[in-house]
Amino acid sequence: MKALVTGTSKGIGKAIANKFLACGHEVVGIDLLPATIAHPRYLHVIADVFSDDLPQVCGVEILINNAGVQDSGRDIDVNLKGSIRVTEKYALQEKIKSVLFIASSSARTGAEFPEYAASKGGTVAYMKNVALRIAKYGATANSLSPGGVRTELNAHVMNDPELWQKIMNETLLPKWAEPEEIAEWAYFVTAVNRSMTAQDILIDNGEQAKANFVW
């Protein structure tokens, strides 16, 4: 199948692209940064997902909206409006089989930076709208809401022992997910799943389930 993934130069997006390539699919990556993947079935396009001039890519069967920023001043534009522009351009056509949005656990809790949380909450709501509109093609739309993931974006807290310990104290499983684990979820939800749609999946190592019982 032909998959289009945004934000493929690093982190979760790169891991997702590599997972699809390893499973024999064709991947088109869109990122503001240069390519960091070299593969005969990978095409890299340098573009801003918020742009009105997105590249022409035909026959997209799986679309994964992953590109994102955090506390940048552009969170709404990139994370939410960028995902909307990409989806409206590539997903609303007969070959589409699945659309996936990488949201965030903050979409449920409101935690983290204000515009970031709002952008991810809006992404989940928009995902449900997309699910309604692509059902006529027999296609699914879902989102993943990771908690902490060990990516460059989170280096600030990962490299600070005191902050890291505070974070570990807030999870049932004292760890964060690796990008490759999120990629496994992304692959299953889009390339394997055919019956679940309009759902948001929380992957947070039990952070929201954390509770201290006092007696």
C-alpha atoms as a PDB file:
ATOM      1  CA  MET A   1       0.000   0.000   0.000  1.00  0.00           C
ATOM      2  CA  LYS A   2       0.983   3.625  -0.410  1.00  0.00           C
ATOM      3  CA  ALA A   3       1.349   5.528   2.855  1.00  0.00           C
ATOM      4  CA  LEU A   4       1.866   9.247   3.324  1.00  0.00           C
ATOM      5  CA  VAL A   5       3.407  10.200   6.667  1.00  0.00           C
ATOM      6  CA  THR A   6       4.105  13.731   7.864  1.00  0.00           C
ATOM      7  CA  GLY A   7       7.059  14.600  10.075  1.00  0.00           C
ATOM      8  CA  THR A   8       9.314  11.729   8.989  1.00  0.00           C
ATOM      9  CA  SER A   9      12.765  13.245   9.579  1.00  0.00           C
ATOM     10  CA  LYS A  10      12.923  12.196  13.225  1.00  0.00           C
ATOM     11  CA  GLY A  11      11.065  10.799  16.198  1.00  0.00           C
ATOM     12  CA  ILE A  12       7.740   9.024  15.913  1.00  0.00           C
ATOM     13  CA  GLY A  13       7.250   9.901  12.242  1.00  0.00           C
ATOM     14  CA  LYS A  14      10.594   8.409  11.241  1.00  0.00           C
ATOM     15  CA  ALA A  15       9.845   5.253  13.221  1.00  0.00           C
ATOM     16  CA  ILE A  16       6.445   4.940  11.510  1.00  0.00           C
ATOM     17  CA  ALA A  17       7.938   5.399   8.051  1.00  0.00           C
ATOM     18  CA  ASN A  18      10.585   2.761   8.756  1.00  0.00           C
ATOM     19  CA  LYS A  19       7.934   0.328  10.033  1.00  0.00           C
ATOM     20  CA  PHE A  20       5.901   0.647   6.837  1.00  0.00           C
ATOM     21  CA  LEU A  21       9.001   0.290   4.673  1.00  0.00           C
ATOM     22  CA  ALA A  22      10.059  -2.818   6.592  1.00  0.00           C
ATOM     23  CA  CYS A  23       6.627  -4.306   5.906  1.00  0.00           C
ATOM     24  CA  GLY A  24       6.939  -3.735   2.166  1.00  0.00           C
ATOM     25  CA  HIS A  25       4.903  -0.573   1.662  1.00  0.00           C
ATOM     26  CA  GLU A  26       5.648   2.552  -0.364  1.00  0.00           C
ATOM     27  CA  VAL A  27       6.081   5.661   1.804  1.00  0.00           C
ATOM     28  CA  VAL A  28       5.946   9.352   0.971  1.00  0.00           C
ATOM     29  CA  GLY A  29       7.281  11.561   3.756  1.00  0.00           C
ATOM     30  CA  ILE A  30       6.558  15.261   4.184  1.00  0.00           C
ATOM     31  CA  ASP A  31       8.782  17.294   6.501  1.00  0.00           C
ATOM     32  CA  LEU A  32      10.353  20.735   6.758  1.00  0.00           C
ATOM     33  CA  LEU A  33      13.699  19.047   7.427  1.00  0.00           C
ATOM     34  CA  PRO A  34      15.831  17.052   4.960  1.00  0.00           C
ATOM     35  CA  ALA A  35      15.403  13.305   4.632  1.00  0.00           C
ATOM     36  CA  THR A  36      17.036  10.996   7.157  1.00  0.00           C
ATOM     37  CA  ILE A  37      15.713   7.815   5.523  1.00  0.00           C
ATOM     38  CA  ALA A  38      17.350   6.283   2.463  1.00  0.00           C
ATOM     39  CA  HIS A  39      15.227   3.544   0.900  1.00  0.00           C
ATOM     40  CA  PRO A  40      14.162   2.730  -2.682  1.00  0.00           C
ATOM     41  CA  ARG A  41      10.469   2.847  -1.700  1.00  0.00           C
ATOM     42  CA  TYR A  42      10.748   6.119   0.205  1.00  0.00           C
ATOM     43  CA  LEU A  43      10.115   9.547  -1.335  1.00  0.00           C
ATOM     44  CA  HIS A  44      10.871  12.613   0.782  1.00  0.00           C
ATOM     45  CA  VAL A  45       9.208  15.961   0.116  1.00  0.00           C
ATOM     46  CA  ILE A  46      10.280  19.108   1.940  1.00  0.00           C
ATOM     47  CA  ALA A  47       7.130  21.090   2.712  1.00  0.00           C
ATOM     48  CA  ASP A  48       5.238  22.799   5.537  1.00  0.00           C
ATOM     49  CA  VAL A  49       1.996  20.993   6.420  1.00  0.00           C
ATOM     50  CA  PHE A  50       0.418  24.395   7.082  1.00  0.00           C
ATOM     51  CA  SER A  51       1.183  25.512   3.530  1.00  0.00           C
ATOM     52  CA  ASP A  52      -1.523  26.194   0.975  1.00  0.00           C
ATOM     53  CA  ASP A  53       0.822  24.668  -1.614  1.00  0.00           C
ATOM     54  CA  LEU A  54       1.161  21.053  -0.514  1.00  0.00           C
ATOM     55  CA  PRO A  55       2.751  18.679  -3.048  1.00  0.00           C
ATOM     56  CA  GLN A  56       0.642  16.588  -5.382  1.00  0.00           C
ATOM     57  CA  VAL A  57       0.619  12.969  -4.214  1.00  0.00           C
ATOM     58  CA  CYS A  58      -1.787  10.607  -5.933  1.00  0.00           C
ATOM     59  CA  GLY A  59      -3.226   7.328  -4.749  1.00  0.00           C
ATOM     60  CA  VAL A  60      -2.683   7.702  -0.994  1.00  0.00           C
ATOM     61  CA  GLU A  61      -4.143   4.675   0.770  1.00  0.00           C
ATOM     62  CA  ILE A  62      -2.935   5.334   4.309  1.00  0.00           C
ATOM     63  CA  LEU A  63      -2.461   8.824   5.706  1.00  0.00           C
ATOM     64  CA  ILE A  64      -0.688   9.414   9.009  1.00  0.00           C
ATOM     65  CA  ASN A  65      -0.697  12.944  10.413  1.00  0.00           C
ATOM     66  CA  ASN A  66       2.293  13.016  12.716  1.00  0.00           C
ATOM     67  CA  ALA A  67       4.076  16.350  12.135  1.00  0.00           C
ATOM     68  CA  GLY A  68       3.895  18.512  15.208  1.00  0.00           C
ATOM     69  CA  VAL A  69       5.473  21.208  17.350  1.00  0.00           C
ATOM     70  CA  GLN A  70       5.289  22.006  21.045  1.00  0.00           C
ATOM     71  CA  ASP A  71       5.057  25.419  22.716  1.00  0.00           C
ATOM     72  CA  SER A  72       6.302  27.011  19.505  1.00  0.00           C
ATOM     73  CA  GLY A  73       3.800  29.781  18.899  1.00  0.00           C
ATOM     74  CA  ARG A  74       2.577  27.710  15.933  1.00  0.00           C
ATOM     75  CA  ASP A  75       1.001  24.771  17.753  1.00  0.00           C
ATOM     76  CA  ILE A  76      -2.521  25.446  16.471  1.00  0.00           C
ATOM     77  CA  ASP A  77      -1.311  26.132  12.927  1.00  0.00           C
ATOM     78  CA  VAL A  78       0.932  23.083  12.617  1.00  0.00           C
ATOM     79  CA  ASN A  79      -0.657  20.446  14.844  1.00  0.00           C
ATOM     80  CA  LEU A  80      -4.311  21.151  14.113  1.00  0.00           C
ATOM     81  CA  LYS A  81      -4.663  23.269  10.983  1.00  0.00           C
ATOM     82  CA  GLY A  82      -1.754  21.479   9.307  1.00  0.00           C
ATOM     83  CA  SER A  83      -3.396  18.104   9.923  1.00  0.00           C
ATOM     84  CA  ILE A  84      -6.667  19.445   8.555  1.00  0.00           C
ATOM     85  CA  ARG A  85      -5.023  20.749   5.378  1.00  0.00           C
ATOM     86  CA  VAL A  86      -3.132  17.519   4.780  1.00  0.00           C
ATOM     87  CA  THR A  87      -6.215  15.377   5.379  1.00  0.00           C
ATOM     88  CA  GLU A  88      -8.528  17.443   3.206  1.00  0.00           C
ATOM     89  CA  LYS A  89      -5.999  17.258   0.345  1.00  0.00           C
ATOM     90  CA  TYR A  90      -5.048  13.578   0.437  1.00  0.00           C
ATOM     91  CA  ALA A  91      -7.665  11.532   2.297  1.00  0.00           C
ATOM     92  CA  LEU A  92     -11.025  12.373   0.770  1.00  0.00           C
ATOM     93  CA  GLN A  93     -10.811  10.033  -2.202  1.00  0.00           C
ATOM     94  CA  GLU A  94     -11.812   6.496  -3.126  1.00  0.00           C
ATOM     95  CA  LYS A  95      -8.435   4.809  -2.620  1.00  0.00           C
ATOM     96  CA  ILE A  96      -8.148   5.845   1.016  1.00  0.00           C
ATOM     97  CA  LYS A  97      -8.220   2.975   3.495  1.00  0.00           C
ATOM     98  CA  SER A  98      -7.173   4.575   6.756  1.00  0.00           C
ATOM     99  CA  VAL A  99      -6.320   7.936   8.322  1.00  0.00           C
ATOM    100  CA  LEU A 100      -4.437   8.205  11.598  1.00  0.00           C
ATOM    101  CA  PHE A 101      -3.685  11.250  13.749  1.00  0.00           C
ATOM    102  CA  ILE A 102      -0.922  11.324  16.344  1.00  0.00           C
ATOM    103  CA  ALA A 103      -2.594  13.294  19.117  1.00  0.00           C
ATOM    104  CA  SER A 104      -1.480  13.374  22.763  1.00  0.00           C
ATOM    105  CA  SER A 105      -2.614  12.352  26.224  1.00  0.00           C
ATOM    106  CA  SER A 106      -2.896  16.085  26.891  1.00  0.00           C
ATOM    107  CA  ALA A 107      -5.940  16.071  24.607  1.00  0.00           C
ATOM    108  CA  ARG A 108      -7.716  14.310  27.473  1.00  0.00           C
ATOM    109  CA  THR A 109      -6.141  15.987  30.497  1.00  0.00           C
ATOM    110  CA  GLY A 110      -5.460  19.524  29.269  1.00  0.00           C
ATOM    111  CA  ALA A 111      -1.965  19.196  30.723  1.00  0.00           C
ATOM    112  CA  GLU A 112       1.162  20.640  29.089  1.00  0.00           C
ATOM    113  CA  PHE A 113       1.245  23.954  27.234  1.00  0.00           C
ATOM    114  CA  PRO A 114      -2.127  25.670  26.566  1.00  0.00           C
ATOM    115  CA  GLU A 115      -1.991  25.880  22.762  1.00  0.00           C
ATOM    116  CA  TYR A 116      -0.432  22.426  22.506  1.00  0.00           C
ATOM    117  CA  ALA A 117      -3.202  20.837  24.577  1.00  0.00           C
ATOM    118  CA  ALA A 118      -5.835  22.731  22.576  1.00  0.00           C
ATOM    119  CA  SER A 119      -4.293  21.682  19.269  1.00  0.00           C
ATOM    120  CA  LYS A 120      -4.321  18.014  20.243  1.00  0.00           C
ATOM    121  CA  GLY A 121      -7.837  18.150  21.644  1.00  0.00           C
ATOM    122  CA  GLY A 122      -8.982  19.692  18.386  1.00  0.00           C
ATOM    123  CA  THR A 123      -7.159  16.965  16.475  1.00  0.00           C
ATOM    124  CA  VAL A 124      -9.155  14.254  18.230  1.00  0.00           C
ATOM    125  CA  ALA A 125     -12.435  16.060  17.496  1.00  0.00           C
ATOM    126  CA  TYR A 126     -11.453  16.515  13.846  1.00  0.00           C
ATOM    127  CA  MET A 127     -10.532  12.819  13.619  1.00  0.00           C
ATOM    128  CA  LYS A 128     -14.117  11.917  14.464  1.00  0.00           C
ATOM    129  CA  ASN A 129     -15.352  14.270  11.747  1.00  0.00           C
ATOM    130  CA  VAL A 130     -13.044  12.573   9.234  1.00  0.00           C
ATOM    131  CA  ALA A 131     -14.279   9.131  10.298  1.00  0.00           C
ATOM    132  CA  LEU A 132     -17.826  10.188   9.451  1.00  0.00           C
ATOM    133  CA  ARG A 133     -16.825  11.445   6.011  1.00  0.00           C
ATOM    134  CA  ILE A 134     -14.583   8.609   4.827  1.00  0.00           C
ATOM    135  CA  ALA A 135     -16.843   5.788   6.013  1.00  0.00           C
ATOM    136  CA  LYS A 136     -18.433   5.806   2.544  1.00  0.00           C
ATOM    137  CA  TYR A 137     -15.107   4.537   1.192  1.00  0.00           C
ATOM    138  CA  GLY A 138     -15.004   1.726   3.763  1.00  0.00           C
ATOM    139  CA  ALA A 139     -12.106   3.558   5.421  1.00  0.00           C
ATOM    140  CA  THR A 140     -11.245   4.104   9.065  1.00  0.00           C
ATOM    141  CA  ALA A 141     -10.032   7.173  10.954  1.00  0.00           C
ATOM    142  CA  ASN A 142      -8.531   6.975  14.428  1.00  0.00           C
ATOM    143  CA  SER A 143      -5.987   8.702  16.634  1.00  0.00           C
ATOM    144  CA  LEU A 144      -3.239   7.676  19.012  1.00  0.00           C
ATOM    145  CA  SER A 145      -2.703   9.722  22.160  1.00  0.00           C
ATOM    146  CA  PRO A 146       0.744   8.945  23.524  1.00  0.00           C
ATOM    147  CA  GLY A 147       1.906  10.111  26.901  1.00  0.00           C
ATOM    148  CA  GLY A 148       5.652  10.503  27.199  1.00  0.00           C
ATOM    149  CA  VAL A 149       7.727   9.221  24.292  1.00  0.00           C
ATOM    150  CA  ARG A 150      11.521   9.131  24.232  1.00  0.00           C
ATOM    151  CA  THR A 151      12.132  11.590  21.405  1.00  0.00           C
ATOM    152  CA  GLU A 152      14.375  14.600  20.845  1.00  0.00           C
ATOM    153  CA  LEU A 153      11.407  16.873  21.538  1.00  0.00           C
ATOM    154  CA  ASN A 154      11.446  15.724  25.165  1.00  0.00           C
ATOM    155  CA  ALA A 155      15.202  15.879  25.738  1.00  0.00           C
ATOM    156  CA  HIS A 156      14.791  18.711  28.253  1.00  0.00           C
ATOM    157  CA  VAL A 157      13.195  16.474  30.861  1.00  0.00           C
ATOM    158  CA  MET A 158      14.771  13.196  29.812  1.00  0.00           C
ATOM    159  CA  ASN A 159      18.248  14.589  30.486  1.00  0.00           C
ATOM    160  CA  ASP A 160      17.402  16.135  33.853  1.00  0.00           C
ATOM    161  CA  PRO A 161      17.585  13.437  36.579  1.00  0.00           C
ATOM    162  CA  GLU A 162      15.385  15.356  39.025  1.00  0.00           C
ATOM    163  CA  LEU A 163      12.644  16.117  36.495  1.00  0.00           C
ATOM    164  CA  TRP A 164      12.835  12.600  35.090  1.00  0.00           C
ATOM    165  CA  GLN A 165      12.294  11.050  38.526  1.00  0.00           C
ATOM    166  CA  LYS A 166       9.247  13.256  39.092  1.00  0.00           C
ATOM    167  CA  ILE A 167       7.834  12.060  35.783  1.00  0.00           C
ATOM    168  CA  MET A 168       8.483   8.407  36.591  1.00  0.00           C
ATOM    169  CA  ASN A 169       6.654   8.859  39.890  1.00  0.00           C
ATOM    170  CA  GLU A 170       3.544   9.858  37.917  1.00  0.00           C
ATOM    171  CA  THR A 171       3.187   6.594  35.952  1.00  0.00           C
ATOM    172  CA  LEU A 172       2.049   3.100  36.900  1.00  0.00           C
ATOM    173  CA  LEU A 173       4.756   1.676  34.652  1.00  0.00           C
ATOM    174  CA  PRO A 174       7.816   3.815  35.424  1.00  0.00           C
ATOM    175  CA  LYS A 175       8.905   4.382  31.838  1.00  0.00           C
ATOM    176  CA  TRP A 176       8.093   6.178  28.605  1.00  0.00           C
ATOM    177  CA  ALA A 177       7.329   4.579  25.251  1.00  0.00           C
ATOM    178  CA  GLU A 178       9.928   4.312  22.520  1.00  0.00           C
ATOM    179  CA  PRO A 179       9.057   5.750  19.060  1.00  0.00           C
ATOM    180  CA  GLU A 180       9.172   2.231  17.624  1.00  0.00           C
ATOM    181  CA  GLU A 181       6.393   1.120  19.970  1.00  0.00           C
ATOM    182  CA  ILE A 182       4.143   3.932  18.783  1.00  0.00           C
ATOM    183  CA  ALA A 183       5.003   2.907  15.226  1.00  0.00           C
ATOM    184  CA  GLU A 184       3.759  -0.620  15.953  1.00  0.00           C
ATOM    185  CA  TRP A 185       0.458   0.810  17.162  1.00  0.00           C
ATOM    186  CA  ALA A 186       0.245   3.047  14.096  1.00  0.00           C
ATOM    187  CA  TYR A 187       0.813   0.126  11.759  1.00  0.00           C
ATOM    188  CA  PHE A 188      -1.817  -2.046  13.403  1.00  0.00           C
ATOM    189  CA  VAL A 189      -4.456   0.682  13.528  1.00  0.00           C
ATOM    190  CA  THR A 190      -4.001   1.597   9.849  1.00  0.00           C
ATOM    191  CA  ALA A 191      -2.733  -1.444   7.936  1.00  0.00           C
ATOM    192  CA  VAL A 192      -4.338  -4.273   9.925  1.00  0.00           C
ATOM    193  CA  ASN A 193      -7.436  -2.855  11.600  1.00  0.00           C
ATOM    194  CA  ARG A 194     -10.600  -2.762   9.483  1.00  0.00           C
ATOM    195  CA  SER A 195     -13.374  -2.441  12.077  1.00  0.00           C
ATOM    196  CA  MET A 196     -12.357   0.171  14.649  1.00  0.00           C
ATOM    197  CA  THR A 197     -13.014   3.760  13.627  1.00  0.00           C
ATOM    198  CA  ALA A 198     -13.582   7.162  15.269  1.00  0.00           C
ATOM    199  CA  GLN A 199     -11.582   6.069  18.328  1.00  0.00           C
ATOM    200  CA  ASP A 200      -8.712   7.630  20.282  1.00  0.00           C
ATOM    201  CA  ILE A 201      -6.233   5.205  21.841  1.00  0.00           C
ATOM    202  CA  LEU A 202      -4.370   6.274  24.974  1.00  0.00           C
ATOM    203  CA  ILE A 203      -0.774   4.982  25.310  1.00  0.00           C
ATOM    204  CA  ASP A 204       0.601   6.590  28.460  1.00  0.00           C
ATOM    205  CA  ASN A 205       2.097   3.817  30.639  1.00  0.00           C
ATOM    206  CA  GLY A 206      -0.751   4.313  33.093  1.00  0.00           C
ATOM    207  CA  GLU A 207      -0.162   8.000  33.814  1.00  0.00           C
ATOM    208  CA  GLN A 208      -3.861   8.857  33.853  1.00  0.00           C
ATOM    209  CA  ALA A 209      -4.646   5.740  35.870  1.00  0.00           C
ATOM    210  CA  LYS A 210      -2.195   6.693  38.609  1.00  0.00           C
ATOM    211  CA  ALA A 211      -3.904   6.947  41.976  1.00  0.00           C
ATOM    212  CA  ASN A 212      -2.685   7.032  45.559  1.00  0.00           C
ATOM    213  CA  PHE A 213      -5.080   5.520  48.084  1.00  0.00           C
ATOM    214  CA  VAL A 214      -4.928   7.091  51.519  1.00  0.00           C
ATOM    215  CA  TRP A 215      -6.604   5.332  54.458  1.00  0.00           C
END
